[in-house]
N, C-alpha and C. Protein backbone atom coordinates (compact mmCIF):
# COMPACT_ATOMS: atom_id res chain seq x y z
N UNK A 1 0.90 -1.36 0.30
CA UNK A 1 0.03 -0.30 0.23
C UNK A 1 0.72 1.08 -0.23
N UNK A 2 0.34 2.35 -0.94
CA UNK A 2 1.12 3.47 -1.07
C UNK A 2 0.70 4.60 0.10
N UNK A 3 1.31 5.06 0.76
CA UNK A 3 0.55 6.40 1.65
C UNK A 3 1.25 7.41 0.96
N UNK A 4 -0.31 8.44 1.14
CA UNK A 4 -0.12 9.97 0.54
C UNK A 4 0.51 10.19 1.72
N UNK A 5 1.16 11.76 1.95
CA UNK A 5 1.64 12.30 2.84
C UNK A 5 0.75 12.48 3.77
N UNK A 6 -0.14 12.60 4.08
CA UNK A 6 -0.80 13.08 5.31
C UNK A 6 -1.07 11.40 5.95
N UNK A 7 -1.06 10.16 5.35
CA UNK A 7 -0.59 9.05 6.15
C UNK A 7 0.55 8.63 6.39
N UNK A 8 1.59 9.55 5.82
CA UNK A 8 3.04 8.81 6.27
C UNK A 8 3.30 10.05 7.24
N UNK A 9 3.13 11.04 7.56
CA UNK A 9 2.86 12.05 8.64
C UNK A 9 2.13 11.30 9.85
N UNK A 10 0.91 10.68 10.02
CA UNK A 10 0.03 10.49 10.93
C UNK A 10 1.10 8.81 11.19
N UNK A 11 1.53 8.26 10.31
CA UNK A 11 2.95 7.35 10.71
C UNK A 11 3.62 7.17 11.61
N UNK A 12 4.42 8.57 11.68
CA UNK A 12 5.40 9.04 12.12
C UNK A 12 5.66 8.59 13.71
N UNK A 13 6.64 7.93 14.21
CA UNK A 13 6.68 7.38 15.57
C UNK A 13 6.33 8.86 16.64
N UNK A 14 5.66 8.20 17.90
CA UNK A 14 5.49 9.41 18.99
C UNK A 14 6.92 10.17 19.33
N UNK A 15 7.50 8.97 19.28
CA UNK A 15 8.99 9.88 19.69
C UNK A 15 9.36 11.35 19.40
N UNK A 16 8.98 11.49 17.79
CA UNK A 16 9.09 12.38 17.23
C UNK A 16 8.72 13.69 18.12
N UNK A 17 9.44 14.58 18.94
CA UNK A 17 9.05 15.37 19.03
C UNK A 17 8.53 16.80 18.97
N UNK A 18 7.17 17.43 18.63
CA UNK A 18 7.55 18.50 18.00
C UNK A 18 7.29 19.88 18.86
N UNK A 19 8.00 20.58 18.39
CA UNK A 19 7.71 21.88 19.49
C UNK A 19 7.51 23.52 18.40
N UNK A 20 7.48 24.27 18.90
CA UNK A 20 7.37 25.62 18.23
C UNK A 20 8.37 26.38 17.70
N UNK A 21 8.73 27.37 17.07
CA UNK A 21 10.07 27.93 16.81
C UNK A 21 10.69 28.71 18.12
N UNK A 22 9.48 29.00 18.75
CA UNK A 22 10.08 29.68 19.64
C UNK A 22 10.21 28.99 21.06
N UNK A 23 9.86 27.78 21.33
CA UNK A 23 10.00 26.80 22.09
C UNK A 23 11.75 26.22 21.94
N UNK A 24 11.85 25.93 20.54
CA UNK A 24 12.91 25.55 20.18
C UNK A 24 14.48 26.48 20.16
N UNK A 25 14.04 28.39 20.24
CA UNK A 25 14.82 29.00 20.28
C UNK A 25 15.08 29.04 21.74
N UNK A 26 13.97 28.93 22.92
CA UNK A 26 14.33 28.92 24.36
C UNK A 26 15.44 27.62 24.53
N UNK A 27 14.71 26.88 24.16
CA UNK A 27 15.38 25.40 24.64
C UNK A 27 16.66 25.52 24.10
N UNK A 28 17.35 25.86 22.68
CA UNK A 28 18.37 26.10 22.19
C UNK A 28 19.18 27.03 23.06
N UNK A 29 18.98 28.07 23.71
CA UNK A 29 19.86 29.03 24.35
C UNK A 29 19.92 28.50 25.68
N UNK A 30 19.51 27.05 26.48
CA UNK A 30 19.74 26.67 27.69
C UNK A 30 20.75 25.36 27.40
N UNK A 31 20.53 24.85 26.27
CA UNK A 31 21.10 22.86 25.94
C UNK A 31 22.10 23.09 24.90
N UNK A 32 22.10 24.36 24.42
CA UNK A 32 23.21 24.69 23.36
C UNK A 32 23.15 23.44 22.44
N UNK A 33 21.93 23.47 21.61
CA UNK A 33 21.04 22.60 20.54
C UNK A 33 21.79 23.27 19.69
N UNK A 34 21.31 22.72 18.00
CA UNK A 34 21.68 23.06 16.99
C UNK A 34 20.10 22.74 16.14
N UNK A 35 20.20 23.76 15.79
CA UNK A 35 18.86 24.11 14.39
C UNK A 35 19.46 24.19 13.20
N UNK A 36 18.89 23.06 12.81
CA UNK A 36 19.09 22.45 11.36
C UNK A 36 17.81 22.66 10.40
N UNK A 37 18.48 23.76 9.24
CA UNK A 37 17.39 23.73 8.22
C UNK A 37 17.43 22.49 7.14
N UNK A 38 16.63 21.96 6.99
CA UNK A 38 16.48 20.97 6.09
C UNK A 38 15.95 21.23 4.44
N UNK A 39 15.78 22.68 4.26
CA UNK A 39 15.38 23.36 2.76
C UNK A 39 16.78 22.93 2.11
N UNK A 40 16.33 22.92 0.75
CA UNK A 40 17.05 23.04 -0.20
C UNK A 40 17.91 24.79 -0.03
N UNK A 41 19.24 24.96 -0.58
CA UNK A 41 19.82 26.16 -0.53
C UNK A 41 19.22 27.09 -1.55
N UNK A 42 18.36 26.85 -2.15
CA UNK A 42 17.71 27.92 -2.85
C UNK A 42 16.58 28.22 -2.12
N UNK A 43 16.00 27.58 -1.31
CA UNK A 43 15.01 28.09 -0.70
C UNK A 43 15.33 28.99 0.57
N UNK A 44 16.27 28.66 0.97
CA UNK A 44 17.30 29.44 2.17
C UNK A 44 17.54 30.69 1.46
N UNK A 45 17.84 30.95 0.58
CA UNK A 45 18.03 32.24 0.22
C UNK A 45 16.92 33.07 -0.55
N UNK A 46 16.01 32.45 -0.93
CA UNK A 46 14.62 33.07 -0.93
C UNK A 46 13.75 33.58 0.85
N UNK A 47 14.07 32.65 1.56
CA UNK A 47 13.51 32.84 2.89
C UNK A 47 14.10 32.74 3.49
N UNK A 48 15.24 33.29 4.06
CA UNK A 48 16.28 32.88 5.12
C UNK A 48 15.81 32.73 6.46
N UNK A 49 16.71 31.99 7.10
CA UNK A 49 16.25 31.94 8.64
C UNK A 49 17.21 32.01 9.48
N UNK A 50 17.54 32.21 10.93
CA UNK A 50 18.94 31.79 11.49
C UNK A 50 19.09 30.55 11.79
N UNK A 51 18.89 29.37 11.53
CA UNK A 51 19.37 28.14 11.78
C UNK A 51 20.92 28.32 12.01
N UNK A 52 21.14 27.54 12.70
CA UNK A 52 22.79 27.52 13.04
C UNK A 52 23.45 26.93 11.40
N UNK A 53 22.81 25.80 10.85
CA UNK A 53 23.48 24.98 9.56
C UNK A 53 21.95 25.24 8.52
N UNK A 54 22.49 24.86 7.60
CA UNK A 54 21.49 24.37 6.24
C UNK A 54 22.18 23.16 6.35
N UNK A 55 21.24 21.84 6.56
CA UNK A 55 21.67 20.66 5.62
C UNK A 55 20.55 19.93 5.08
N UNK A 56 20.69 20.23 3.77
CA UNK A 56 19.16 19.80 2.95
C UNK A 56 18.95 18.39 3.55
N UNK A 57 17.55 17.95 3.14
CA UNK A 57 17.06 16.87 3.51
C UNK A 57 17.68 15.46 2.98
N UNK A 58 17.93 15.94 1.83
CA UNK A 58 18.42 14.96 0.44
C UNK A 58 19.95 14.27 1.03
N UNK A 59 20.50 15.15 1.71
CA UNK A 59 21.96 14.27 2.20
C UNK A 59 22.37 14.54 4.12
N UNK A 60 20.88 14.92 4.47
CA UNK A 60 21.09 14.76 6.02
C UNK A 60 21.72 14.02 6.94
N UNK A 61 21.35 12.27 6.49
CA UNK A 61 21.66 11.44 6.90
C UNK A 61 23.52 11.14 6.79
N UNK A 62 23.98 11.61 5.64
CA UNK A 62 25.26 11.87 5.23
C UNK A 62 26.14 12.75 6.26
N UNK A 63 25.78 14.17 6.13
CA UNK A 63 26.20 15.25 6.76
C UNK A 63 26.41 15.28 8.36
N UNK A 64 25.09 14.72 8.57
CA UNK A 64 24.72 14.95 10.19
C UNK A 64 25.87 13.99 10.87
N UNK A 65 26.62 12.80 10.45
CA UNK A 65 27.51 11.92 11.03
C UNK A 65 28.69 12.37 10.91
N UNK A 66 28.65 13.37 9.75
CA UNK A 66 30.36 13.80 9.63
C UNK A 66 30.34 15.08 10.61
N UNK A 67 29.46 15.84 10.90
CA UNK A 67 29.49 16.89 12.07
C UNK A 67 29.13 16.74 13.38
N UNK A 68 28.43 15.51 13.64
CA UNK A 68 27.77 15.15 15.08
C UNK A 68 28.19 13.91 15.18
N UNK A 69 28.98 13.85 16.08
CA UNK A 69 29.72 12.41 16.66
C UNK A 69 28.61 11.97 17.69
N UNK A 70 28.34 12.85 18.81
CA UNK A 70 27.53 13.19 20.06
C UNK A 70 26.05 12.45 19.70
N UNK A 71 25.91 11.60 20.34
CA UNK A 71 24.31 11.07 20.07
C UNK A 71 23.23 11.59 21.22
N UNK A 72 23.92 12.13 21.73
CA UNK A 72 22.93 13.07 22.60
C UNK A 72 23.05 14.63 22.26
N UNK A 73 23.61 15.07 21.28
CA UNK A 73 23.31 16.25 21.04
C UNK A 73 22.08 17.07 20.43
N UNK A 74 21.39 17.88 21.30
CA UNK A 74 20.08 17.95 21.02
C UNK A 74 19.95 18.86 19.54
N UNK A 75 18.76 18.09 18.66
CA UNK A 75 18.86 18.96 17.37
C UNK A 75 17.52 19.60 17.52
N UNK A 76 17.21 20.43 16.87
CA UNK A 76 15.72 21.36 16.38
C UNK A 76 15.92 21.28 15.03
N UNK A 77 15.23 20.81 13.96
CA UNK A 77 14.92 20.14 12.59
C UNK A 77 14.00 21.37 12.32
N UNK A 78 14.15 22.01 11.26
CA UNK A 78 13.00 22.81 10.78
C UNK A 78 13.36 22.85 8.82
N UNK A 79 12.00 22.91 8.53
CA UNK A 79 12.05 23.14 6.90
C UNK A 79 10.90 24.53 6.41
N UNK A 80 10.04 24.54 5.48
CA UNK A 80 9.07 25.66 5.57
C UNK A 80 7.87 25.32 5.62
N UNK A 81 7.49 23.79 5.87
CA UNK A 81 6.20 23.95 6.45
C UNK A 81 5.99 22.87 7.56
N UNK A 82 7.25 22.28 8.12
CA UNK A 82 7.40 21.07 9.02
C UNK A 82 7.00 19.56 8.42
N UNK A 83 6.84 19.79 7.36
CA UNK A 83 6.86 18.00 7.00
C UNK A 83 7.90 17.53 6.72
N UNK A 84 9.15 18.07 6.02
CA UNK A 84 10.24 17.33 5.87
C UNK A 84 11.03 17.33 7.26
N UNK A 85 10.78 18.56 8.34
CA UNK A 85 11.14 18.62 9.75
C UNK A 85 11.02 17.22 10.59
N UNK A 86 9.70 16.82 9.74
CA UNK A 86 9.39 15.76 11.11
C UNK A 86 9.57 14.44 10.19
N UNK A 87 9.83 14.07 9.10
CA UNK A 87 10.30 13.21 8.44
C UNK A 87 12.24 13.33 8.97
N UNK A 88 12.56 14.16 8.96
CA UNK A 88 13.94 14.52 9.05
C UNK A 88 14.42 14.01 10.25
N UNK A 89 13.55 14.52 11.71
CA UNK A 89 13.71 14.21 12.97
C UNK A 89 13.09 12.42 12.96
N UNK A 90 12.58 12.06 12.62
CA UNK A 90 12.53 10.63 12.66
C UNK A 90 13.18 9.79 12.20
N UNK A 91 14.23 10.46 11.25
CA UNK A 91 15.46 9.46 10.48
C UNK A 91 16.54 9.75 11.44
N UNK A 92 16.58 10.93 11.72
CA UNK A 92 17.75 10.94 13.14
C UNK A 92 17.65 10.23 14.24
N UNK A 93 16.44 9.95 14.83
CA UNK A 93 15.99 8.90 15.71
C UNK A 93 16.38 7.32 15.34
N UNK A 94 16.17 7.27 14.15
CA UNK A 94 16.20 5.72 13.61
C UNK A 94 18.00 5.49 13.82
N UNK A 95 18.74 6.85 13.49
CA UNK A 95 20.22 7.07 12.93
C UNK A 95 20.61 6.71 14.49
N UNK A 96 20.25 6.71 15.73
CA UNK A 96 20.52 6.69 16.96
C UNK A 96 20.62 7.77 17.69
N UNK A 97 20.41 8.86 17.10
CA UNK A 97 20.46 10.40 18.07
C UNK A 97 18.92 10.34 18.83
N UNK A 98 19.71 10.86 20.18
CA UNK A 98 18.46 10.56 21.22
C UNK A 98 17.44 12.30 21.46
N UNK A 99 18.09 13.23 20.91
CA UNK A 99 17.37 14.44 21.42
C UNK A 99 17.10 15.08 20.08
N UNK A 100 15.86 14.62 19.37
CA UNK A 100 15.74 15.11 18.10
C UNK A 100 14.26 15.99 18.20
N UNK A 101 14.05 17.00 17.83
CA UNK A 101 12.64 18.06 17.92
C UNK A 101 12.80 18.35 16.37
N UNK A 102 11.23 18.30 16.42
CA UNK A 102 10.32 18.76 14.68
C UNK A 102 9.44 20.20 14.91
N UNK A 103 10.63 21.32 14.13
CA UNK A 103 10.07 22.56 14.49
C UNK A 103 8.54 22.37 13.53
N UNK A 104 7.83 22.69 13.87
CA UNK A 104 6.32 22.46 13.13
C UNK A 104 5.55 23.67 12.82
N UNK A 105 6.29 24.84 12.99
CA UNK A 105 5.78 26.36 12.38
C UNK A 105 6.45 26.08 11.01
N UNK A 106 5.52 27.13 10.55
CA UNK A 106 5.74 27.49 8.76
C UNK A 106 6.88 28.64 8.73
N UNK A 107 7.34 28.65 7.31
CA UNK A 107 8.69 29.67 6.96
C UNK A 107 8.52 30.98 7.93
N UNK A 108 7.27 31.52 7.58
CA UNK A 108 6.86 32.93 7.75
C UNK A 108 7.26 33.16 9.54
N UNK A 109 7.02 32.09 10.19
CA UNK A 109 7.11 32.20 11.36
C UNK A 109 8.66 32.00 12.30
N UNK A 110 8.89 31.25 11.55
CA UNK A 110 10.21 30.81 11.79
C UNK A 110 11.51 31.83 11.27
N UNK A 111 11.24 32.66 10.45
CA UNK A 111 12.03 33.68 9.95
C UNK A 111 12.06 35.12 11.34
N UNK A 112 11.12 35.08 11.90
CA UNK A 112 10.95 35.89 12.76
C UNK A 112 11.84 35.68 14.19
N UNK A 113 12.34 34.41 14.49
CA UNK A 113 12.62 34.20 15.43
C UNK A 113 14.38 34.05 15.35
N UNK A 114 15.07 34.08 16.41
CA UNK A 114 16.28 34.43 16.54
C UNK A 114 16.95 33.16 17.42
N UNK A 115 17.34 32.27 16.59
CA UNK A 115 17.88 31.10 17.36
C UNK A 115 19.15 31.44 17.71
N UNK A 116 20.00 32.58 17.39
CA UNK A 116 21.50 32.54 17.68
C UNK A 116 21.30 33.56 18.92
N UNK A 117 20.34 33.64 19.80
CA UNK A 117 20.48 34.20 21.23
C UNK A 117 21.00 33.66 22.36
């Protein structure tokens, strides 16, 4: 059976924690977490955010392992709508990272949050 996107999102493990951009910024300030923007570089140019780094969803699994060796490092994943963020967060949990959060706000809300504070 092929799942449509809504069905796929409903099948994501409940262990994927969903947060707002404000919650993510507040937590990052306390736990030294990393905000990862999983949008494509062209999307980031059009609608920039203050995420720590951009790692497109298509290469996330390969790139994150190169940069983050600690499985307990806190991650906050965002995209344009929250869909790719949830899929990416689920994948990082499957890879063995333990503190992964999906920011489910749309990009217009995320653009107004300063994650660098």
